C-alpha atoms as a PDB file:
ATOM      1  CA  MET A   1       0.000   0.000   0.000  1.00  0.00           C
ATOM      2  CA  SER A   2       1.476   3.363  -1.035  1.00  0.00           C
ATOM      3  CA  PRO A   3       1.962   6.057   1.633  1.00  0.00           C
ATOM      4  CA  LYS A   4      -0.853   8.567   2.045  1.00  0.00           C
ATOM      5  CA  SER A   5       0.769  11.875   1.096  1.00  0.00           C
ATOM      6  CA  VAL A   6      -0.268  15.529   1.302  1.00  0.00           C
ATOM      7  CA  VAL A   7       1.330  18.917   0.759  1.00  0.00           C
ATOM      8  CA  VAL A   8       0.428  21.941   2.907  1.00  0.00           C
ATOM      9  CA  ILE A   9       0.483  25.370   1.253  1.00  0.00           C
ATOM     10  CA  PRO A  10       0.158  28.502   3.437  1.00  0.00           C
ATOM     11  CA  THR A  11      -1.298  31.453   1.521  1.00  0.00           C
ATOM     12  CA  TYR A  12      -1.804  35.167   1.879  1.00  0.00           C
ATOM     13  CA  ASN A  13      -2.749  37.201  -1.216  1.00  0.00           C
ATOM     14  CA  GLU A  14      -1.812  34.549  -3.768  1.00  0.00           C
ATOM     15  CA  ALA A  15      -4.879  34.845  -6.003  1.00  0.00           C
ATOM     16  CA  GLU A  16      -2.752  35.024  -9.148  1.00  0.00           C
ATOM     17  CA  ASN A  17      -0.795  31.900  -8.294  1.00  0.00           C
ATOM     18  CA  ILE A  18      -2.940  29.418  -6.392  1.00  0.00           C
ATOM     19  CA  GLN A  19      -4.988  27.870  -9.213  1.00  0.00           C
ATOM     20  CA  PRO A  20      -2.109  27.415 -11.702  1.00  0.00           C
ATOM     21  CA  LEU A  21       0.073  26.130  -8.861  1.00  0.00           C
ATOM     22  CA  ILE A  22      -2.391  23.424  -7.885  1.00  0.00           C
ATOM     23  CA  GLN A  23      -2.825  22.472 -11.533  1.00  0.00           C
ATOM     24  CA  ALA A  24       0.954  22.110 -11.797  1.00  0.00           C
ATOM     25  CA  ILE A  25       1.043  20.007  -8.616  1.00  0.00           C
ATOM     26  CA  HIS A  26      -1.579  17.624  -9.959  1.00  0.00           C
ATOM     27  CA  LYS A  27       0.269  17.404 -13.268  1.00  0.00           C
ATOM     28  CA  ALA A  28       3.485  16.473 -11.457  1.00  0.00           C
ATOM     29  CA  TRP A  29       1.780  14.033  -9.056  1.00  0.00           C
ATOM     30  CA  ALA A  30      -1.848  13.188  -9.710  1.00  0.00           C
ATOM     31  CA  GLY A  31      -2.357  11.368  -6.395  1.00  0.00           C
ATOM     32  CA  LEU A  32      -0.945  14.021  -4.085  1.00  0.00           C
ATOM     33  CA  HIS A  33      -3.503  15.665  -1.800  1.00  0.00           C
ATOM     34  CA  VAL A  34      -3.376  19.429  -1.217  1.00  0.00           C
ATOM     35  CA  VAL A  35      -4.244  21.456   1.881  1.00  0.00           C
ATOM     36  CA  VAL A  36      -4.320  25.249   1.550  1.00  0.00           C
ATOM     37  CA  VAL A  37      -4.119  27.272   4.769  1.00  0.00           C
ATOM     38  CA  ASP A  38      -5.310  30.783   3.955  1.00  0.00           C
ATOM     39  CA  ASP A  39      -4.993  33.714   6.347  1.00  0.00           C
ATOM     40  CA  ASP A  40      -8.147  35.566   5.221  1.00  0.00           C
ATOM     41  CA  SER A  41      -6.469  36.923   2.080  1.00  0.00           C
ATOM     42  CA  PRO A  42      -8.095  40.215   1.014  1.00  0.00           C
ATOM     43  CA  ASP A  43      -7.576  39.293  -2.655  1.00  0.00           C
ATOM     44  CA  GLY A  44      -9.843  36.230  -2.409  1.00  0.00           C
ATOM     45  CA  THR A  45      -7.181  33.510  -2.495  1.00  0.00           C
ATOM     46  CA  GLY A  46      -9.235  31.379  -0.108  1.00  0.00           C
ATOM     47  CA  ASP A  47     -12.353  31.533  -2.278  1.00  0.00           C
ATOM     48  CA  ILE A  48     -10.350  30.494  -5.339  1.00  0.00           C
ATOM     49  CA  ALA A  49      -8.782  27.564  -3.486  1.00  0.00           C
ATOM     50  CA  ALA A  50     -12.147  26.468  -2.100  1.00  0.00           C
ATOM     51  CA  ALA A  51     -13.513  26.114  -5.635  1.00  0.00           C
ATOM     52  CA  ILE A  52     -10.703  23.826  -6.831  1.00  0.00           C
ATOM     53  CA  GLU A  53     -11.584  20.151  -6.824  1.00  0.00           C
ATOM     54  CA  GLY A  54      -9.470  18.001  -4.544  1.00  0.00           C
ATOM     55  CA  VAL A  55      -8.248  20.846  -2.345  1.00  0.00           C
ATOM     56  CA  HIS A  56      -8.995  21.085   1.361  1.00  0.00           C
ATOM     57  CA  LEU A  57      -9.088  24.696   2.546  1.00  0.00           C
ATOM     58  CA  ILE A  58      -8.374  25.803   6.093  1.00  0.00           C
ATOM     59  CA  ARG A  59      -9.581  29.376   6.542  1.00  0.00           C
ATOM     60  CA  ARG A  60      -8.078  31.438   9.345  1.00  0.00           C
ATOM     61  CA  ALA A  61      -9.309  34.688  10.832  1.00  0.00           C
ATOM     62  CA  GLY A  62      -6.365  36.838   9.790  1.00  0.00           C
ATOM     63  CA  LYS A  63      -2.642  36.996   9.059  1.00  0.00           C
ATOM     64  CA  LEU A  64      -1.368  34.833  11.908  1.00  0.00           C
ATOM     65  CA  GLY A  65       2.070  33.878  10.601  1.00  0.00           C
ATOM     66  CA  LEU A  66       3.722  31.230   8.460  1.00  0.00           C
ATOM     67  CA  GLY A  67       4.639  28.994  11.371  1.00  0.00           C
ATOM     68  CA  THR A  68       1.145  28.748  12.794  1.00  0.00           C
ATOM     69  CA  ALA A  69      -0.213  28.136   9.276  1.00  0.00           C
ATOM     70  CA  TYR A  70       2.068  25.135   8.927  1.00  0.00           C
ATOM     71  CA  VAL A  71       1.074  23.880  12.370  1.00  0.00           C
ATOM     72  CA  ALA A  72      -2.609  24.093  11.399  1.00  0.00           C
ATOM     73  CA  GLY A  73      -1.957  22.187   8.181  1.00  0.00           C
ATOM     74  CA  PHE A  74       0.220  19.575   9.873  1.00  0.00           C
ATOM     75  CA  LYS A  75      -2.386  18.956  12.575  1.00  0.00           C
ATOM     76  CA  TYR A  76      -5.039  18.446   9.901  1.00  0.00           C
ATOM     77  CA  ALA A  77      -2.756  15.967   8.131  1.00  0.00           C
ATOM     78  CA  LEU A  78      -2.137  14.013  11.333  1.00  0.00           C
ATOM     79  CA  ASP A  79      -5.842  13.986  12.216  1.00  0.00           C
ATOM     80  CA  HIS A  80      -6.680  12.575   8.774  1.00  0.00           C
ATOM     81  CA  GLY A  81      -4.169   9.766   8.674  1.00  0.00           C
ATOM     82  CA  TYR A  82      -1.535  11.096   6.290  1.00  0.00           C
ATOM     83  CA  THR A  83       1.826   9.346   6.621  1.00  0.00           C
ATOM     84  CA  ARG A  84       3.957  11.707   4.537  1.00  0.00           C
ATOM     85  CA  ILE A  85       3.398  15.454   4.860  1.00  0.00           C
ATOM     86  CA  GLY A  86       5.072  18.201   2.846  1.00  0.00           C
ATOM     87  CA  GLY A  87       5.115  21.985   2.725  1.00  0.00           C
ATOM     88  CA  MET A  88       5.816  24.476  -0.053  1.00  0.00           C
ATOM     89  CA  ASP A  89       5.430  28.117  -1.033  1.00  0.00           C
ATOM     90  CA  ALA A  90       2.434  29.281  -3.057  1.00  0.00           C
ATOM     91  CA  ASP A  91       4.346  31.560  -5.450  1.00  0.00           C
ATOM     92  CA  PHE A  92       6.056  29.044  -7.799  1.00  0.00           C
ATOM     93  CA  SER A  93       9.423  29.609  -6.107  1.00  0.00           C
ATOM     94  CA  HIS A  94       9.229  25.875  -5.418  1.00  0.00           C
ATOM     95  CA  ASP A  95       8.896  23.910  -8.657  1.00  0.00           C
ATOM     96  CA  PRO A  96       6.023  21.411  -8.312  1.00  0.00           C
ATOM     97  CA  ALA A  97       7.850  19.044 -10.681  1.00  0.00           C
ATOM     98  CA  VAL A  98      10.313  18.306  -7.845  1.00  0.00           C
ATOM     99  CA  LEU A  99       7.606  16.956  -5.509  1.00  0.00           C
ATOM    100  CA  PRO A 100       8.026  13.251  -6.424  1.00  0.00           C
ATOM    101  CA  ALA A 101      11.807  13.412  -5.905  1.00  0.00           C
ATOM    102  CA  LEU A 102      11.369  15.348  -2.672  1.00  0.00           C
ATOM    103  CA  PHE A 103       8.934  12.858  -1.152  1.00  0.00           C
ATOM    104  CA  ALA A 104      11.086   9.954  -2.390  1.00  0.00           C
ATOM    105  CA  LEU A 105      13.693  11.091   0.151  1.00  0.00           C
ATOM    106  CA  LEU A 106      11.353   9.728   2.825  1.00  0.00           C
ATOM    107  CA  ASP A 107      12.061   6.197   1.616  1.00  0.00           C
ATOM    108  CA  SER A 108      15.419   6.477   3.408  1.00  0.00           C
ATOM    109  CA  HIS A 109      15.159   9.586   5.624  1.00  0.00           C
ATOM    110  CA  ASP A 110      12.764  11.077   8.137  1.00  0.00           C
ATOM    111  CA  VAL A 111      12.868  14.606   6.700  1.00  0.00           C
ATOM    112  CA  GLY A 112      13.332  15.704   3.084  1.00  0.00           C
ATOM    113  CA  ILE A 113      14.511  19.160   2.000  1.00  0.00           C
ATOM    114  CA  GLY A 114      14.521  20.802  -1.411  1.00  0.00           C
ATOM    115  CA  SER A 115      17.976  22.351  -1.225  1.00  0.00           C
ATOM    116  CA  ARG A 116      19.561  25.322  -2.981  1.00  0.00           C
ATOM    117  CA  TYR A 117      22.938  24.660  -1.416  1.00  0.00           C
ATOM    118  CA  ILE A 118      23.923  21.186  -2.587  1.00  0.00           C
ATOM    119  CA  PRO A 119      25.342  20.304  -6.043  1.00  0.00           C
ATOM    120  CA  GLY A 120      22.677  20.895  -8.669  1.00  0.00           C
ATOM    121  CA  GLY A 121      20.780  23.414  -6.547  1.00  0.00           C
ATOM    122  CA  GLY A 122      20.698  27.185  -6.819  1.00  0.00           C
ATOM    123  CA  THR A 123      18.590  30.273  -7.383  1.00  0.00           C
ATOM    124  CA  ARG A 124      17.276  32.056 -10.461  1.00  0.00           C
ATOM    125  CA  ASN A 125      16.388  35.718 -11.026  1.00  0.00           C
ATOM    126  CA  TRP A 126      17.907  36.832  -7.723  1.00  0.00           C
ATOM    127  CA  GLY A 127      20.069  39.909  -7.382  1.00  0.00           C
ATOM    128  CA  LEU A 128      23.508  39.781  -5.799  1.00  0.00           C
ATOM    129  CA  HIS A 129      22.250  41.330  -2.546  1.00  0.00           C
ATOM    130  CA  ARG A 130      19.505  38.747  -2.086  1.00  0.00           C
ATOM    131  CA  ARG A 131      21.836  35.842  -2.892  1.00  0.00           C
ATOM    132  CA  PHE A 132      24.348  37.133  -0.361  1.00  0.00           C
ATOM    133  CA  LEU A 133      21.700  37.662   2.311  1.00  0.00           C
ATOM    134  CA  SER A 134      20.174  34.217   1.855  1.00  0.00           C
ATOM    135  CA  ARG A 135      23.457  32.330   1.842  1.00  0.00           C
ATOM    136  CA  SER A 136      24.758  34.326   4.812  1.00  0.00           C
ATOM    137  CA  ALA A 137      21.596  33.646   6.828  1.00  0.00           C
ATOM    138  CA  ASN A 138      21.804  29.964   6.027  1.00  0.00           C
ATOM    139  CA  THR A 139      25.513  29.741   6.903  1.00  0.00           C
ATOM    140  CA  PHE A 140      24.996  31.634  10.174  1.00  0.00           C
ATOM    141  CA  ALA A 141      22.101  29.384  11.192  1.00  0.00           C
ATOM    142  CA  ARG A 142      24.182  26.274  10.470  1.00  0.00           C
ATOM    143  CA  PHE A 143      27.080  27.686  12.479  1.00  0.00           C
ATOM    144  CA  MET A 144      24.893  28.651  15.436  1.00  0.00           C
ATOM    145  CA  LEU A 145      22.924  25.423  15.717  1.00  0.00           C
ATOM    146  CA  GLY A 146      25.184  22.776  14.179  1.00  0.00           C
ATOM    147  CA  PHE A 147      22.825  21.490  11.501  1.00  0.00           C
ATOM    148  CA  SER A 148      23.785  18.543   9.334  1.00  0.00           C
ATOM    149  CA  ALA A 149      21.563  19.816   6.511  1.00  0.00           C
ATOM    150  CA  ARG A 150      22.979  22.289   3.985  1.00  0.00           C
ATOM    151  CA  ASP A 151      19.832  24.360   3.316  1.00  0.00           C
ATOM    152  CA  VAL A 152      18.208  24.975   6.682  1.00  0.00           C
ATOM    153  CA  THR A 153      16.070  27.946   5.621  1.00  0.00           C
ATOM    154  CA  SER A 154      14.338  26.180   2.728  1.00  0.00           C
ATOM    155  CA  GLY A 155      10.577  25.869   3.087  1.00  0.00           C
ATOM    156  CA  TYR A 156      10.317  23.126   0.463  1.00  0.00           C
ATOM    157  CA  ARG A 157      10.180  20.096   2.736  1.00  0.00           C
ATOM    158  CA  CYS A 158       8.466  16.853   3.634  1.00  0.00           C
ATOM    159  CA  TYR A 159       8.275  14.764   6.785  1.00  0.00           C
ATOM    160  CA  ARG A 160       7.355  11.295   7.881  1.00  0.00           C
ATOM    161  CA  ARG A 161       4.325  11.240  10.147  1.00  0.00           C
ATOM    162  CA  GLU A 162       6.476  10.096  13.066  1.00  0.00           C
ATOM    163  CA  VAL A 163       8.431  13.352  12.945  1.00  0.00           C
ATOM    164  CA  LEU A 164       5.361  15.532  13.365  1.00  0.00           C
ATOM    165  CA  GLU A 165       4.125  13.290  16.166  1.00  0.00           C
ATOM    166  CA  ALA A 166       7.446  13.502  18.039  1.00  0.00           C
ATOM    167  CA  VAL A 167       8.053  17.255  17.762  1.00  0.00           C
ATOM    168  CA  GLU A 168       5.650  19.206  19.960  1.00  0.00           C
ATOM    169  CA  LEU A 169       4.244  21.561  17.324  1.00  0.00           C
ATOM    170  CA  GLU A 170       2.349  23.813  19.720  1.00  0.00           C
ATOM    171  CA  ALA A 171       5.520  24.392  21.774  1.00  0.00           C
ATOM    172  CA  LEU A 172       7.495  25.912  18.883  1.00  0.00           C
ATOM    173  CA  ALA A 173       8.236  29.538  19.727  1.00  0.00           C
ATOM    174  CA  SER A 174       8.614  30.892  16.187  1.00  0.00           C
ATOM    175  CA  HIS A 175       5.583  32.006  14.234  1.00  0.00           C
ATOM    176  CA  GLY A 176       7.141  33.617  11.147  1.00  0.00           C
ATOM    177  CA  TYR A 177       9.748  32.405   8.665  1.00  0.00           C
ATOM    178  CA  SER A 178      12.119  31.480  11.496  1.00  0.00           C
ATOM    179  CA  PHE A 179       9.667  28.647  12.241  1.00  0.00           C
ATOM    180  CA  LEU A 180      11.381  26.699   9.462  1.00  0.00           C
ATOM    181  CA  VAL A 181      14.768  26.878  11.198  1.00  0.00           C
ATOM    182  CA  GLU A 182      13.391  26.094  14.640  1.00  0.00           C
ATOM    183  CA  PHE A 183      11.348  23.140  13.411  1.00  0.00           C
ATOM    184  CA  LEU A 184      14.320  21.617  11.593  1.00  0.00           C
ATOM    185  CA  TYR A 185      16.432  22.146  14.710  1.00  0.00           C
ATOM    186  CA  ARG A 186      13.881  20.227  16.796  1.00  0.00           C
ATOM    187  CA  CYS A 187      13.842  17.455  14.194  1.00  0.00           C
ATOM    188  CA  GLU A 188      17.610  17.040  14.387  1.00  0.00           C
ATOM    189  CA  GLN A 189      17.540  17.284  18.188  1.00  0.00           C
ATOM    190  CA  ASN A 190      15.159  14.329  18.190  1.00  0.00           C
ATOM    191  CA  GLY A 191      17.601  12.305  16.111  1.00  0.00           C
ATOM    192  CA  PHE A 192      15.649  12.294  12.851  1.00  0.00           C
ATOM    193  CA  SER A 193      17.664  11.864   9.657  1.00  0.00           C
ATOM    194  CA  VAL A 194      17.570  14.547   6.967  1.00  0.00           C
ATOM    195  CA  GLY A 195      18.010  14.084   3.215  1.00  0.00           C
ATOM    196  CA  GLU A 196      18.258  16.777   0.533  1.00  0.00           C
ATOM    197  CA  THR A 197      17.498  16.927  -3.169  1.00  0.00           C
ATOM    198  CA  PRO A 198      18.598  19.856  -5.358  1.00  0.00           C
ATOM    199  CA  ILE A 199      16.150  22.568  -6.386  1.00  0.00           C
ATOM    200  CA  ILE A 200      16.383  25.788  -8.358  1.00  0.00           C
ATOM    201  CA  PHE A 201      14.596  28.431  -6.334  1.00  0.00           C
ATOM    202  CA  GLU A 202      13.040  30.947  -8.704  1.00  0.00           C
ATOM    203  CA  ASP A 203      11.897  34.392  -7.625  1.00  0.00           C
ATOM    204  CA  ARG A 204       8.152  34.893  -7.804  1.00  0.00           C
ATOM    205  CA  ALA A 205       6.696  36.195 -11.051  1.00  0.00           C
ATOM    206  CA  GLN A 206       3.321  37.247  -9.611  1.00  0.00           C
ATOM    207  CA  GLY A 207       2.384  38.936  -6.338  1.00  0.00           C
ATOM    208  CA  THR A 208       4.681  40.394  -3.707  1.00  0.00           C
ATOM    209  CA  SER A 209       7.098  38.857  -1.221  1.00  0.00           C
ATOM    210  CA  LYS A 210       5.936  38.448   2.391  1.00  0.00           C
ATOM    211  CA  MET A 211       9.478  38.675   3.805  1.00  0.00           C
ATOM    212  CA  SER A 212      10.104  41.844   5.820  1.00  0.00           C
ATOM    213  CA  LEU A 213      13.017  43.358   7.733  1.00  0.00           C
ATOM    214  CA  GLY A 214      11.164  42.528  10.933  1.00  0.00           C
ATOM    215  CA  GLU A 215      11.031  38.858   9.906  1.00  0.00           C
ATOM    216  CA  ILE A 216      14.776  38.861   9.281  1.00  0.00           C
ATOM    217  CA  TRP A 217      15.629  40.352  12.676  1.00  0.00           C
ATOM    218  CA  GLY A 218      13.143  38.046  14.339  1.00  0.00           C
ATOM    219  CA  GLY A 219      14.951  35.115  12.779  1.00  0.00           C
ATOM    220  CA  VAL A 220      18.311  36.327  14.094  1.00  0.00           C
ATOM    221  CA  ARG A 221      16.913  36.744  17.612  1.00  0.00           C
ATOM    222  CA  ASN A 222      15.404  33.285  17.476  1.00  0.00           C
ATOM    223  CA  LEU A 223      18.774  31.750  16.572  1.00  0.00           C
ATOM    224  CA  PHE A 224      20.292  33.184  19.725  1.00  0.00           C
ATOM    225  CA  LYS A 225      17.351  31.978  21.810  1.00  0.00           C
ATOM    226  CA  LEU A 226      17.716  28.454  20.421  1.00  0.00           C
ATOM    227  CA  ARG A 227      21.501  28.450  20.757  1.00  0.00           C
ATOM    228  CA  PHE A 228      21.526  29.577  24.362  1.00  0.00           C
ATOM    229  CA  GLY A 229      18.572  27.559  25.544  1.00  0.00           C
ATOM    230  CA  LYS A 230      15.822  30.195  25.636  1.00  0.00           C
ATOM    231  CA  THR A 231      12.804  29.336  23.511  1.00  0.00           C
ATOM    232  CA  ALA A 232      10.200  31.761  24.858  1.00  0.00           C
END
């Protein structure tokens, strides 16, 4: 019996992207289930997702943060018996064609990461400043917390069910993008193995980035909290 797999997609103002993205996901992997967690997008993203066949929509009351969106999606997946659970961006930065290779990592690992920083991986349509910032943030996080993985800030991931059951999701302190680093840190702390497959991360063509300066500084503060044993 094949594993029951799902991908969780947090959204906020992704009306231009959500329908073509889900079409591309189903083209890449017809049997993959999709959960969209929408934070009451003013542009109607949630309504668009709700009308797409085969998509389960979780509507939330407002913009509550990337981390809590993933937690909501992961809890739904656990409650409904999924054994392999992934996460990806809604803006086509993560190529849906990679999904089968990403989830295949779970045949031999507990966590799978779509990685920009292993041979074959990289970025496209990024300026020098953004490439420097991303690589520096990733290198600093690896230095601070001793990760075995190469791309610890990537949001293109998948997990065996046992990982989500072992890591106390509600206890994670990070709610924004730094959630990704903290969650991976907890996975490695629990002894789960991590595999990576190369991806080319492409800058969004539609919509606007949700990353802010506040998110960046919040991520730096969270690294120090994790490194020195303070998680609240």
